């Protein structure tokens, strides 16, 4: 069963594997030997599912992880070994969740703590970003889609409708062009975001999750009022504006665009009359599969990578068509260099 939810600041896309009898047995066993069950299960799952499984020296990895575990008896004791497992896999998107805390390996992150990105960092740290739509100039609209937190049933529908309603306030059928801003989007409910802007696309496939080893693929896309992956629908709107698939669109991206924010950006890659402005995204373009070992232990690993409608795989990040470093201004959008460049492209296209 597919489950899409926000679990950490950089939100992760994952499949919740539900195997009731197996989980029951595991949960009984976890009380007897927490550390060994955790490590054994994580190693087995990685060997069978990790997208990096064919490039790993498994004997070295297993020996190193088990040596690090040593005489660990509890889950907390085993955490360093789990973190090492992710590091040796090269999986910076996966993680262990234990008692609502997250443990993983984040890799070498590109530093953005510079004066050029201060406005972006300040806005992210404020944690008060909401969906925003406005007219930049007559005929040119702006829609900011930040991260979101769907934690209850139907939340994705509600968030998607909020995004669609914000778009409709611009009377988009009268616009000459639209700026979609994903710079403040480190993730969230991917399908809430896509559902909220479904009418910007022609119905159909927008991207796919691909296992690079087995070559299996699961497509995601939209209808006129839903967003889906495979055969499962995750967002359904009750009120939708007019079809806008031919509207000129500029997508703004940057280093804080991550995870499902990147998946939304990838969805625009196959769209006509679309241009990307900004900087390389955060680099969380893998998708995680997961399972629950017990009520308070979940294991998440990267098992697929994201591709656009043309089949291009995004192993690292999404790059802009037009690079502009810094120059962000979320308080005065008229002074924002990326928005200025977006308006220029929309007017000259």
C-alpha atoms as a PDB file:
ATOM      1  CA  UNK A   1       0.000   0.000   0.000  1.00  0.00           C
ATOM      2  CA  UNK A   2       1.358   3.384  -0.939  1.00  0.00           C
ATOM      3  CA  UNK A   3       1.615   5.907   1.864  1.00  0.00           C
ATOM      4  CA  UNK A   4       2.851   9.449   1.317  1.00  0.00           C
ATOM      5  CA  UNK A   5       3.512  11.576   4.387  1.00  0.00           C
ATOM      6  CA  UNK A   6       5.867  14.132   5.944  1.00  0.00           C
ATOM      7  CA  UNK A   7       8.295  12.503   8.335  1.00  0.00           C
ATOM      8  CA  UNK A   8      11.233  14.885   8.593  1.00  0.00           C
ATOM      9  CA  UNK A   9      12.253  18.376   7.553  1.00  0.00           C
ATOM     10  CA  UNK A  10      13.461  17.063   4.232  1.00  0.00           C
ATOM     11  CA  UNK A  11      10.330  15.139   3.474  1.00  0.00           C
ATOM     12  CA  UNK A  12      10.596  11.680   2.128  1.00  0.00           C
ATOM     13  CA  UNK A  13       8.517   9.809  -0.391  1.00  0.00           C
ATOM     14  CA  UNK A  14       8.025   6.210   0.650  1.00  0.00           C
ATOM     15  CA  UNK A  15       6.021   2.996   0.339  1.00  0.00           C
ATOM     16  CA  UNK A  16       4.738   1.539   3.600  1.00  0.00           C
ATOM     17  CA  UNK A  17       5.046  -2.219   3.346  1.00  0.00           C
ATOM     18  CA  UNK A  18       2.376  -3.867   5.451  1.00  0.00           C
ATOM     19  CA  UNK A  19       2.797  -7.565   6.193  1.00  0.00           C
ATOM     20  CA  UNK A  20       0.663  -8.229   9.292  1.00  0.00           C
ATOM     21  CA  UNK A  21       1.857 -11.715  10.265  1.00  0.00           C
ATOM     22  CA  UNK A  22       5.487 -10.890   9.563  1.00  0.00           C
ATOM     23  CA  UNK A  23       5.281  -7.651  11.522  1.00  0.00           C
ATOM     24  CA  UNK A  24       3.611  -9.433  14.434  1.00  0.00           C
ATOM     25  CA  UNK A  25       6.419 -11.970  14.601  1.00  0.00           C
ATOM     26  CA  UNK A  26       9.005  -9.226  14.321  1.00  0.00           C
ATOM     27  CA  UNK A  27       7.373  -7.167  17.063  1.00  0.00           C
ATOM     28  CA  UNK A  28       7.368 -10.146  19.391  1.00  0.00           C
ATOM     29  CA  UNK A  29      10.999 -10.854  18.590  1.00  0.00           C
ATOM     30  CA  UNK A  30      12.065  -7.260  19.013  1.00  0.00           C
ATOM     31  CA  UNK A  31      11.409  -7.556  22.728  1.00  0.00           C
ATOM     32  CA  UNK A  32      13.887 -10.449  22.975  1.00  0.00           C
ATOM     33  CA  UNK A  33      16.881  -9.127  21.048  1.00  0.00           C
ATOM     34  CA  UNK A  34      16.390  -5.589  19.907  1.00  0.00           C
ATOM     35  CA  UNK A  35      19.830  -4.809  18.506  1.00  0.00           C
ATOM     36  CA  UNK A  36      20.437  -7.982  16.509  1.00  0.00           C
ATOM     37  CA  UNK A  37      16.948  -8.059  15.052  1.00  0.00           C
ATOM     38  CA  UNK A  38      17.288  -4.447  13.923  1.00  0.00           C
ATOM     39  CA  UNK A  39      20.679  -4.960  12.279  1.00  0.00           C
ATOM     40  CA  UNK A  40      19.758  -8.317  10.702  1.00  0.00           C
ATOM     41  CA  UNK A  41      16.546  -6.909   9.265  1.00  0.00           C
ATOM     42  CA  UNK A  42      18.141  -3.699   8.006  1.00  0.00           C
ATOM     43  CA  UNK A  43      20.951  -5.613   6.287  1.00  0.00           C
ATOM     44  CA  UNK A  44      18.557  -8.074   4.663  1.00  0.00           C
ATOM     45  CA  UNK A  45      16.288  -5.294   3.474  1.00  0.00           C
ATOM     46  CA  UNK A  46      19.220  -3.328   2.042  1.00  0.00           C
ATOM     47  CA  UNK A  47      20.594  -6.358   0.150  1.00  0.00           C
ATOM     48  CA  UNK A  48      17.203  -6.980  -1.432  1.00  0.00           C
ATOM     49  CA  UNK A  49      16.014  -3.423  -2.104  1.00  0.00           C
ATOM     50  CA  UNK A  50      18.649  -0.671  -1.948  1.00  0.00           C
ATOM     51  CA  UNK A  51      19.277   1.079  -5.249  1.00  0.00           C
ATOM     52  CA  UNK A  52      22.981   0.785  -4.430  1.00  0.00           C
ATOM     53  CA  UNK A  53      22.874  -2.980  -3.846  1.00  0.00           C
ATOM     54  CA  UNK A  54      24.812  -3.929  -6.987  1.00  0.00           C
ATOM     55  CA  UNK A  55      27.822  -1.735  -6.215  1.00  0.00           C
ATOM     56  CA  UNK A  56      28.349  -2.804  -2.619  1.00  0.00           C
ATOM     57  CA  UNK A  57      30.973  -5.189  -1.247  1.00  0.00           C
ATOM     58  CA  UNK A  58      28.485  -6.893   1.020  1.00  0.00           C
ATOM     59  CA  UNK A  59      30.970  -8.937   3.038  1.00  0.00           C
ATOM     60  CA  UNK A  60      32.922  -5.822   3.924  1.00  0.00           C
ATOM     61  CA  UNK A  61      29.761  -3.867   4.685  1.00  0.00           C
ATOM     62  CA  UNK A  62      28.214  -6.574   6.874  1.00  0.00           C
ATOM     63  CA  UNK A  63      31.453  -7.247   8.748  1.00  0.00           C
ATOM     64  CA  UNK A  64      31.967  -3.542   9.390  1.00  0.00           C
ATOM     65  CA  UNK A  65      28.387  -2.917  10.542  1.00  0.00           C
ATOM     66  CA  UNK A  66      28.344  -5.946  12.847  1.00  0.00           C
ATOM     67  CA  UNK A  67      31.729  -5.004  14.280  1.00  0.00           C
ATOM     68  CA  UNK A  68      30.423  -1.527  15.039  1.00  0.00           C
ATOM     69  CA  UNK A  69      27.353  -3.025  16.693  1.00  0.00           C
ATOM     70  CA  UNK A  70      29.590  -5.062  18.996  1.00  0.00           C
ATOM     71  CA  UNK A  71      27.712  -6.188  22.088  1.00  0.00           C
ATOM     72  CA  UNK A  72      24.836  -3.777  21.661  1.00  0.00           C
ATOM     73  CA  UNK A  73      21.683  -4.975  23.419  1.00  0.00           C
ATOM     74  CA  UNK A  74      19.218  -2.165  22.793  1.00  0.00           C
ATOM     75  CA  UNK A  75      17.999  -0.235  19.783  1.00  0.00           C
ATOM     76  CA  UNK A  76      19.731   2.881  21.053  1.00  0.00           C
ATOM     77  CA  UNK A  77      22.988   0.941  21.351  1.00  0.00           C
ATOM     78  CA  UNK A  78      22.633  -0.165  17.726  1.00  0.00           C
ATOM     79  CA  UNK A  79      22.027   3.318  16.299  1.00  0.00           C
ATOM     80  CA  UNK A  80      25.722   3.977  15.411  1.00  0.00           C
ATOM     81  CA  UNK A  81      25.780   0.746  13.396  1.00  0.00           C
ATOM     82  CA  UNK A  82      22.620   1.717  11.542  1.00  0.00           C
ATOM     83  CA  UNK A  83      24.017   5.144  10.716  1.00  0.00           C
ATOM     84  CA  UNK A  84      27.166   3.461   9.441  1.00  0.00           C
ATOM     85  CA  UNK A  85      25.047   1.166   7.259  1.00  0.00           C
ATOM     86  CA  UNK A  86      23.534   4.177   5.501  1.00  0.00           C
ATOM     87  CA  UNK A  87      26.975   5.727   5.071  1.00  0.00           C
ATOM     88  CA  UNK A  88      28.463   2.575   3.564  1.00  0.00           C
ATOM     89  CA  UNK A  89      25.480   2.255   1.247  1.00  0.00           C
ATOM     90  CA  UNK A  90      25.882   5.877   0.215  1.00  0.00           C
ATOM     91  CA  UNK A  91      22.219   6.430   1.075  1.00  0.00           C
ATOM     92  CA  UNK A  92      21.815  10.000   2.347  1.00  0.00           C
ATOM     93  CA  UNK A  93      18.022   9.969   1.969  1.00  0.00           C
ATOM     94  CA  UNK A  94      17.201   6.874   4.035  1.00  0.00           C
ATOM     95  CA  UNK A  95      16.928   6.833   7.805  1.00  0.00           C
ATOM     96  CA  UNK A  96      15.889   4.940  10.915  1.00  0.00           C
ATOM     97  CA  UNK A  97      13.041   6.341  12.973  1.00  0.00           C
ATOM     98  CA  UNK A  98      13.057   5.324  16.625  1.00  0.00           C
ATOM     99  CA  UNK A  99      10.780   6.861  19.216  1.00  0.00           C
ATOM    100  CA  UNK A 100      10.095   9.798  16.897  1.00  0.00           C
ATOM    101  CA  UNK A 101      13.782  10.560  16.377  1.00  0.00           C
ATOM    102  CA  UNK A 102      15.564  10.196  13.058  1.00  0.00           C
ATOM    103  CA  UNK A 103      18.959   8.633  12.458  1.00  0.00           C
ATOM    104  CA  UNK A 104      20.761   8.491   9.141  1.00  0.00           C
ATOM    105  CA  UNK A 105      23.722   9.716   7.150  1.00  0.00           C
ATOM    106  CA  UNK A 106      23.424  13.008   5.340  1.00  0.00           C
ATOM    107  CA  UNK A 107      26.644  12.895   3.319  1.00  0.00           C
ATOM    108  CA  UNK A 108      28.636  15.917   2.238  1.00  0.00           C
ATOM    109  CA  UNK A 109      26.089  18.716   2.076  1.00  0.00           C
ATOM    110  CA  UNK A 110      26.804  21.740  -0.063  1.00  0.00           C
ATOM    111  CA  UNK A 111      27.150  24.751   2.177  1.00  0.00           C
ATOM    112  CA  UNK A 112      24.743  27.564   1.383  1.00  0.00           C
ATOM    113  CA  UNK A 113      25.388  29.608   4.516  1.00  0.00           C
ATOM    114  CA  UNK A 114      26.738  32.577   2.608  1.00  0.00           C
ATOM    115  CA  UNK A 115      25.645  36.196   2.225  1.00  0.00           C
ATOM    116  CA  UNK A 116      24.310  35.320  -1.220  1.00  0.00           C
ATOM    117  CA  UNK A 117      21.723  32.994   0.326  1.00  0.00           C
ATOM    118  CA  UNK A 118      20.940  34.840   3.546  1.00  0.00           C
ATOM    119  CA  UNK A 119      17.396  35.792   2.497  1.00  0.00           C
ATOM    120  CA  UNK A 120      16.669  32.172   1.592  1.00  0.00           C
ATOM    121  CA  UNK A 121      18.104  30.833   4.840  1.00  0.00           C
ATOM    122  CA  UNK A 122      16.255  33.378   6.953  1.00  0.00           C
ATOM    123  CA  UNK A 123      12.945  32.479   5.340  1.00  0.00           C
ATOM    124  CA  UNK A 124      13.504  28.741   5.781  1.00  0.00           C
ATOM    125  CA  UNK A 125      14.511  29.156   9.424  1.00  0.00           C
ATOM    126  CA  UNK A 126      11.410  31.223  10.161  1.00  0.00           C
ATOM    127  CA  UNK A 127       9.170  28.161   9.545  1.00  0.00           C
ATOM    128  CA  UNK A 128       6.202  30.369   8.726  1.00  0.00           C
ATOM    129  CA  UNK A 129       5.968  30.039   4.957  1.00  0.00           C
ATOM    130  CA  UNK A 130       2.484  29.619   3.536  1.00  0.00           C
ATOM    131  CA  UNK A 131       1.004  29.260   0.068  1.00  0.00           C
ATOM    132  CA  UNK A 132       1.033  32.665  -1.582  1.00  0.00           C
ATOM    133  CA  UNK A 133      -0.342  33.935  -4.867  1.00  0.00           C
ATOM    134  CA  UNK A 134      -0.168  37.437  -6.280  1.00  0.00           C
ATOM    135  CA  UNK A 135       0.027  39.401  -9.506  1.00  0.00           C
ATOM    136  CA  UNK A 136       3.567  40.525 -10.200  1.00  0.00           C
ATOM    137  CA  UNK A 137       2.406  42.705 -13.060  1.00  0.00           C
ATOM    138  CA  UNK A 138      -0.738  42.845 -15.111  1.00  0.00           C
ATOM    139  CA  UNK A 139      -0.960  39.516 -16.917  1.00  0.00           C
ATOM    140  CA  UNK A 140       1.774  37.784 -14.912  1.00  0.00           C
ATOM    141  CA  UNK A 141       1.071  35.746 -11.804  1.00  0.00           C
ATOM    142  CA  UNK A 142       3.122  34.264  -9.001  1.00  0.00           C
ATOM    143  CA  UNK A 143       2.394  31.137  -6.936  1.00  0.00           C
ATOM    144  CA  UNK A 144       4.637  30.139  -4.026  1.00  0.00           C
ATOM    145  CA  UNK A 145       4.274  26.445  -3.108  1.00  0.00           C
ATOM    146  CA  UNK A 146       6.124  25.766   0.168  1.00  0.00           C
ATOM    147  CA  UNK A 147       6.486  22.502   2.073  1.00  0.00           C
ATOM    148  CA  UNK A 148       3.446  21.005   3.792  1.00  0.00           C
ATOM    149  CA  UNK A 149       2.618  18.470   6.472  1.00  0.00           C
ATOM    150  CA  UNK A 150      -0.160  15.986   5.642  1.00  0.00           C
ATOM    151  CA  UNK A 151      -0.604  13.933   8.801  1.00  0.00           C
ATOM    152  CA  UNK A 152      -4.298  13.038   8.788  1.00  0.00           C
ATOM    153  CA  UNK A 153      -6.654  11.347   6.313  1.00  0.00           C
ATOM    154  CA  UNK A 154      -7.705  13.696   3.506  1.00  0.00           C
ATOM    155  CA  UNK A 155      -4.981  16.210   4.373  1.00  0.00           C
ATOM    156  CA  UNK A 156      -3.523  15.895   0.885  1.00  0.00           C
ATOM    157  CA  UNK A 157      -6.933  16.689  -0.608  1.00  0.00           C
ATOM    158  CA  UNK A 158      -7.270  19.754   1.624  1.00  0.00           C
ATOM    159  CA  UNK A 159      -3.766  21.039   0.904  1.00  0.00           C
ATOM    160  CA  UNK A 160      -4.182  20.417  -2.802  1.00  0.00           C
ATOM    161  CA  UNK A 161      -7.443  22.369  -2.808  1.00  0.00           C
ATOM    162  CA  UNK A 162      -5.759  25.259  -0.972  1.00  0.00           C
ATOM    163  CA  UNK A 163      -3.087  25.410  -3.673  1.00  0.00           C
ATOM    164  CA  UNK A 164      -5.688  25.257  -6.460  1.00  0.00           C
ATOM    165  CA  UNK A 165      -7.787  27.954  -4.792  1.00  0.00           C
ATOM    166  CA  UNK A 166      -4.709  30.182  -4.490  1.00  0.00           C
ATOM    167  CA  UNK A 167      -3.975  29.678  -8.169  1.00  0.00           C
ATOM    168  CA  UNK A 168      -7.566  30.459  -9.121  1.00  0.00           C
ATOM    169  CA  UNK A 169      -7.432  33.794  -7.265  1.00  0.00           C
ATOM    170  CA  UNK A 170      -5.107  34.966 -10.026  1.00  0.00           C
ATOM    171  CA  UNK A 171      -7.752  34.377 -12.724  1.00  0.00           C
ATOM    172  CA  UNK A 172      -5.091  32.287 -14.494  1.00  0.00           C
ATOM    173  CA  UNK A 173      -7.139  31.907 -17.675  1.00  0.00           C
ATOM    174  CA  UNK A 174      -6.411  35.633 -18.250  1.00  0.00           C
ATOM    175  CA  UNK A 175      -2.684  35.396 -17.514  1.00  0.00           C
ATOM    176  CA  UNK A 176       0.090  35.630 -20.086  1.00  0.00           C
ATOM    177  CA  UNK A 177       2.495  33.768 -17.814  1.00  0.00           C
ATOM    178  CA  UNK A 178       2.934  32.271 -14.351  1.00  0.00           C
ATOM    179  CA  UNK A 179       5.885  31.912 -11.952  1.00  0.00           C
ATOM    180  CA  UNK A 180       5.842  28.778  -9.782  1.00  0.00           C
ATOM    181  CA  UNK A 181       8.204  29.257  -6.821  1.00  0.00           C
ATOM    182  CA  UNK A 182       9.627  26.055  -5.266  1.00  0.00           C
ATOM    183  CA  UNK A 183      12.631  27.690  -3.581  1.00  0.00           C
ATOM    184  CA  UNK A 184      11.090  27.285  -0.107  1.00  0.00           C
ATOM    185  CA  UNK A 185       9.959  23.709  -0.673  1.00  0.00           C
ATOM    186  CA  UNK A 186      12.077  21.054   1.084  1.00  0.00           C
ATOM    187  CA  UNK A 187       9.254  18.533   0.677  1.00  0.00           C
ATOM    188  CA  UNK A 188       5.933  17.331   2.011  1.00  0.00           C
ATOM    189  CA  UNK A 189       2.930  15.766   0.367  1.00  0.00           C
ATOM    190  CA  UNK A 190       4.088  15.470  -3.225  1.00  0.00           C
ATOM    191  CA  UNK A 191       0.639  14.612  -4.518  1.00  0.00           C
ATOM    192  CA  UNK A 192      -1.045  17.449  -2.663  1.00  0.00           C
ATOM    193  CA  UNK A 193       1.254  19.788  -4.570  1.00  0.00           C
ATOM    194  CA  UNK A 194       0.714  18.126  -7.931  1.00  0.00           C
ATOM    195  CA  UNK A 195      -3.020  17.845  -7.368  1.00  0.00           C
ATOM    196  CA  UNK A 196      -3.156  21.525  -6.496  1.00  0.00           C
ATOM    197  CA  UNK A 197      -1.699  22.477  -9.879  1.00  0.00           C
ATOM    198  CA  UNK A 198      -3.058  19.542 -11.920  1.00  0.00           C
ATOM    199  CA  UNK A 199      -4.723  21.844 -14.446  1.00  0.00           C
ATOM    200  CA  UNK A 200      -1.321  23.262 -15.428  1.00  0.00           C
ATOM    201  CA  UNK A 201      -0.567  19.912 -17.068  1.00  0.00           C
ATOM    202  CA  UNK A 202      -2.118  17.791 -19.744  1.00  0.00           C
ATOM    203  CA  UNK A 203      -3.610  14.726 -18.005  1.00  0.00           C
ATOM    204  CA  UNK A 204      -1.255  11.770 -17.871  1.00  0.00           C
ATOM    205  CA  UNK A 205       2.195  10.715 -16.727  1.00  0.00           C
ATOM    206  CA  UNK A 206       4.484  13.390 -15.275  1.00  0.00           C
ATOM    207  CA  UNK A 207       7.342  11.238 -13.991  1.00  0.00           C
ATOM    208  CA  UNK A 208       8.232   7.878 -12.536  1.00  0.00           C
ATOM    209  CA  UNK A 209      10.026   6.060  -9.755  1.00  0.00           C
ATOM    210  CA  UNK A 210      12.541   3.636 -11.271  1.00  0.00           C
ATOM    211  CA  UNK A 211      14.499   0.793  -9.713  1.00  0.00           C
ATOM    212  CA  UNK A 212      17.718   1.130 -11.729  1.00  0.00           C
ATOM    213  CA  UNK A 213      18.630  -2.510 -11.178  1.00  0.00           C
ATOM    214  CA  UNK A 214      15.387  -4.371 -11.835  1.00  0.00           C
ATOM    215  CA  UNK A 215      14.279  -1.646 -14.292  1.00  0.00           C
ATOM    216  CA  UNK A 216      10.789  -1.703 -12.776  1.00  0.00           C
ATOM    217  CA  UNK A 217       8.942   1.570 -13.021  1.00  0.00           C
ATOM    218  CA  UNK A 218       5.991   3.174 -11.292  1.00  0.00           C
ATOM    219  CA  UNK A 219       4.569   6.256 -12.964  1.00  0.00           C
ATOM    220  CA  UNK A 220       3.082   9.284 -11.263  1.00  0.00           C
ATOM    221  CA  UNK A 221       0.836  11.823 -12.900  1.00  0.00           C
ATOM    222  CA  UNK A 222      -2.400  13.777 -12.845  1.00  0.00           C
ATOM    223  CA  UNK A 223      -5.920  13.733 -14.236  1.00  0.00           C
ATOM    224  CA  UNK A 224      -7.950  16.920 -14.458  1.00  0.00           C
ATOM    225  CA  UNK A 225      -8.603  16.846 -10.695  1.00  0.00           C
ATOM    226  CA  UNK A 226      -6.399  14.146  -9.120  1.00  0.00           C
ATOM    227  CA  UNK A 227      -2.771  13.189  -8.580  1.00  0.00           C
ATOM    228  CA  UNK A 228      -1.744   9.547  -8.570  1.00  0.00           C
ATOM    229  CA  UNK A 229       1.095   7.043  -8.524  1.00  0.00           C
ATOM    230  CA  UNK A 230       0.544   3.673 -10.135  1.00  0.00           C
ATOM    231  CA  UNK A 231      -3.071   2.747  -9.562  1.00  0.00           C
ATOM    232  CA  UNK A 232      -3.415   4.735  -6.324  1.00  0.00           C
ATOM    233  CA  UNK A 233      -4.908   8.222  -6.076  1.00  0.00           C
ATOM    234  CA  UNK A 234      -3.503  10.440  -3.335  1.00  0.00           C
ATOM    235  CA  UNK A 235      -5.107  13.799  -3.957  1.00  0.00           C
ATOM    236  CA  UNK A 236      -8.575  14.604  -5.267  1.00  0.00           C
ATOM    237  CA  UNK A 237      -9.896  18.127  -5.773  1.00  0.00           C
ATOM    238  CA  UNK A 238     -13.555  19.120  -5.581  1.00  0.00           C
ATOM    239  CA  UNK A 239     -13.195  22.424  -7.450  1.00  0.00           C
ATOM    240  CA  UNK A 240     -10.819  22.896 -10.378  1.00  0.00           C
ATOM    241  CA  UNK A 241     -10.206  25.876 -12.620  1.00  0.00           C
ATOM    242  CA  UNK A 242      -9.851  25.860 -16.385  1.00  0.00           C
ATOM    243  CA  UNK A 243      -7.211  23.814 -18.199  1.00  0.00           C
ATOM    244  CA  UNK A 244      -3.899  25.735 -18.328  1.00  0.00           C
ATOM    245  CA  UNK A 245      -1.576  23.266 -20.052  1.00  0.00           C
ATOM    246  CA  UNK A 246      -0.539  25.855 -22.674  1.00  0.00           C
ATOM    247  CA  UNK A 247       0.158  28.683 -20.192  1.00  0.00           C
ATOM    248  CA  UNK A 248       3.786  29.834 -20.131  1.00  0.00           C
ATOM    249  CA  UNK A 249       5.395  28.883 -16.804  1.00  0.00           C
ATOM    250  CA  UNK A 250       8.716  29.622 -15.116  1.00  0.00           C
ATOM    251  CA  UNK A 251       9.718  27.318 -12.248  1.00  0.00           C
ATOM    252  CA  UNK A 252      12.051  28.775  -9.616  1.00  0.00           C
ATOM    253  CA  UNK A 253      14.318  26.257  -7.844  1.00  0.00           C
ATOM    254  CA  UNK A 254      17.221  26.422  -5.428  1.00  0.00           C
ATOM    255  CA  UNK A 255      19.306  24.549  -2.862  1.00  0.00           C
ATOM    256  CA  UNK A 256      16.384  24.281  -0.418  1.00  0.00           C
ATOM    257  CA  UNK A 257      14.163  22.668  -3.055  1.00  0.00           C
ATOM    258  CA  UNK A 258      14.391  19.044  -1.952  1.00  0.00           C
ATOM    259  CA  UNK A 259      12.770  15.613  -1.833  1.00  0.00           C
ATOM    260  CA  UNK A 260       9.154  15.815  -2.985  1.00  0.00           C
ATOM    261  CA  UNK A 261       9.794  19.462  -3.868  1.00  0.00           C
ATOM    262  CA  UNK A 262      12.292  18.119  -6.387  1.00  0.00           C
ATOM    263  CA  UNK A 263       9.738  15.565  -7.618  1.00  0.00           C
ATOM    264  CA  UNK A 264       7.311  18.405  -8.328  1.00  0.00           C
ATOM    265  CA  UNK A 265      10.069  20.217 -10.234  1.00  0.00           C
ATOM    266  CA  UNK A 266      10.801  17.050 -12.237  1.00  0.00           C
ATOM    267  CA  UNK A 267       7.104  16.889 -13.138  1.00  0.00           C
ATOM    268  CA  UNK A 268       7.501  20.179 -15.013  1.00  0.00           C
ATOM    269  CA  UNK A 269      10.500  18.918 -17.008  1.00  0.00           C
ATOM    270  CA  UNK A 270       8.350  17.369 -19.706  1.00  0.00           C
ATOM    271  CA  UNK A 271       5.968  20.306 -19.960  1.00  0.00           C
ATOM    272  CA  UNK A 272       5.955  22.621 -22.983  1.00  0.00           C
ATOM    273  CA  UNK A 273       6.339  26.409 -22.551  1.00  0.00           C
ATOM    274  CA  UNK A 274       8.264  25.894 -19.301  1.00  0.00           C
ATOM    275  CA  UNK A 275      11.600  27.345 -18.167  1.00  0.00           C
ATOM    276  CA  UNK A 276      13.659  26.717 -15.013  1.00  0.00           C
ATOM    277  CA  UNK A 277      15.479  29.562 -13.292  1.00  0.00           C
ATOM    278  CA  UNK A 278      17.619  29.467 -10.133  1.00  0.00           C
ATOM    279  CA  UNK A 279      20.143  27.021  -8.733  1.00  0.00           C
ATOM    280  CA  UNK A 280      20.712  23.294  -8.421  1.00  0.00           C
ATOM    281  CA  UNK A 281      18.259  21.626  -6.054  1.00  0.00           C
ATOM    282  CA  UNK A 282      19.088  19.892  -2.773  1.00  0.00           C
ATOM    283  CA  UNK A 283      19.829  16.420  -4.141  1.00  0.00           C
ATOM    284  CA  UNK A 284      17.138  14.182  -2.612  1.00  0.00           C
ATOM    285  CA  UNK A 285      15.788  12.751  -5.855  1.00  0.00           C
ATOM    286  CA  UNK A 286      15.512   9.180  -4.614  1.00  0.00           C
ATOM    287  CA  UNK A 287      12.365   7.613  -3.209  1.00  0.00           C
ATOM    288  CA  UNK A 288      12.282   5.558  -0.029  1.00  0.00           C
ATOM    289  CA  UNK A 289      10.566   2.259   0.697  1.00  0.00           C
ATOM    290  CA  UNK A 290       9.905   1.527   4.358  1.00  0.00           C
ATOM    291  CA  UNK A 291       8.523  -0.919   6.852  1.00  0.00           C
ATOM    292  CA  UNK A 292       7.729  -0.906  10.547  1.00  0.00           C
ATOM    293  CA  UNK A 293       9.765  -3.254  12.702  1.00  0.00           C
ATOM    294  CA  UNK A 294       7.654  -2.292  15.713  1.00  0.00           C
ATOM    295  CA  UNK A 295       5.312   0.494  16.731  1.00  0.00           C
ATOM    296  CA  UNK A 296       8.210   2.875  17.322  1.00  0.00           C
ATOM    297  CA  UNK A 297      10.834   1.542  14.888  1.00  0.00           C
ATOM    298  CA  UNK A 298      10.723   2.221  11.153  1.00  0.00           C
ATOM    299  CA  UNK A 299      13.397   1.565   8.546  1.00  0.00           C
ATOM    300  CA  UNK A 300      13.534   3.677   5.377  1.00  0.00           C
ATOM    301  CA  UNK A 301      15.886   3.147   2.440  1.00  0.00           C
ATOM    302  CA  UNK A 302      16.283   4.574  -1.029  1.00  0.00           C
ATOM    303  CA  UNK A 303      14.906   1.949  -3.404  1.00  0.00           C
ATOM    304  CA  UNK A 304      14.172   3.973  -6.530  1.00  0.00           C
ATOM    305  CA  UNK A 305      15.269   7.101  -8.326  1.00  0.00           C
ATOM    306  CA  UNK A 306      13.100   9.691 -10.034  1.00  0.00           C
ATOM    307  CA  UNK A 307      12.807  10.238 -13.771  1.00  0.00           C
ATOM    308  CA  UNK A 308      10.912  12.688 -15.955  1.00  0.00           C
ATOM    309  CA  UNK A 309       8.490  11.859 -18.763  1.00  0.00           C
ATOM    310  CA  UNK A 310      11.348  11.597 -21.252  1.00  0.00           C
ATOM    311  CA  UNK A 311      13.039   8.936 -19.139  1.00  0.00           C
ATOM    312  CA  UNK A 312      15.878  11.150 -17.905  1.00  0.00           C
ATOM    313  CA  UNK A 313      16.937   9.943 -14.452  1.00  0.00           C
ATOM    314  CA  UNK A 314      17.820  12.521 -11.793  1.00  0.00           C
ATOM    315  CA  UNK A 315      20.491  10.797  -9.741  1.00  0.00           C
ATOM    316  CA  UNK A 316      21.771  13.947  -8.083  1.00  0.00           C
ATOM    317  CA  UNK A 317      19.501  16.979  -8.402  1.00  0.00           C
ATOM    318  CA  UNK A 318      17.484  19.150 -10.760  1.00  0.00           C
ATOM    319  CA  UNK A 319      19.402  21.844 -12.606  1.00  0.00           C
ATOM    320  CA  UNK A 320      17.972  25.118 -13.941  1.00  0.00           C
ATOM    321  CA  UNK A 321      17.931  26.204 -17.570  1.00  0.00           C
ATOM    322  CA  UNK A 322      19.116  29.633 -16.436  1.00  0.00           C
ATOM    323  CA  UNK A 323      21.373  29.819 -13.396  1.00  0.00           C
ATOM    324  CA  UNK A 324      21.161  32.751 -11.012  1.00  0.00           C
ATOM    325  CA  UNK A 325      23.063  32.435  -7.726  1.00  0.00           C
ATOM    326  CA  UNK A 326      21.443  34.197  -4.790  1.00  0.00           C
ATOM    327  CA  UNK A 327      19.492  37.369  -5.383  1.00  0.00           C
ATOM    328  CA  UNK A 328      16.459  36.033  -3.490  1.00  0.00           C
ATOM    329  CA  UNK A 329      14.112  38.560  -1.907  1.00  0.00           C
ATOM    330  CA  UNK A 330      10.929  37.164  -0.389  1.00  0.00           C
ATOM    331  CA  UNK A 331       9.918  40.461   1.230  1.00  0.00           C
ATOM    332  CA  UNK A 332      10.062  42.565  -1.925  1.00  0.00           C
ATOM    333  CA  UNK A 333       9.531  40.380  -4.962  1.00  0.00           C
ATOM    334  CA  UNK A 334      10.159  43.306  -7.299  1.00  0.00           C
ATOM    335  CA  UNK A 335      13.763  43.229  -6.045  1.00  0.00           C
ATOM    336  CA  UNK A 336      14.113  39.447  -6.459  1.00  0.00           C
ATOM    337  CA  UNK A 337      16.641  38.725  -9.228  1.00  0.00           C
ATOM    338  CA  UNK A 338      15.136  35.331 -10.066  1.00  0.00           C
ATOM    339  CA  UNK A 339      11.622  36.751 -10.376  1.00  0.00           C
ATOM    340  CA  UNK A 340      12.970  39.605 -12.532  1.00  0.00           C
ATOM    341  CA  UNK A 341      14.574  37.042 -14.834  1.00  0.00           C
ATOM    342  CA  UNK A 342      11.358  35.004 -14.876  1.00  0.00           C
ATOM    343  CA  UNK A 343       9.315  37.994 -16.020  1.00  0.00           C
ATOM    344  CA  UNK A 344      11.870  38.725 -18.714  1.00  0.00           C
ATOM    345  CA  UNK A 345      11.612  35.175 -20.075  1.00  0.00           C
ATOM    346  CA  UNK A 346       7.818  35.150 -19.954  1.00  0.00           C
ATOM    347  CA  UNK A 347       7.587  38.432 -21.852  1.00  0.00           C
ATOM    348  CA  UNK A 348      10.159  37.485 -24.488  1.00  0.00           C
ATOM    349  CA  UNK A 349       9.109  33.866 -25.031  1.00  0.00           C
END
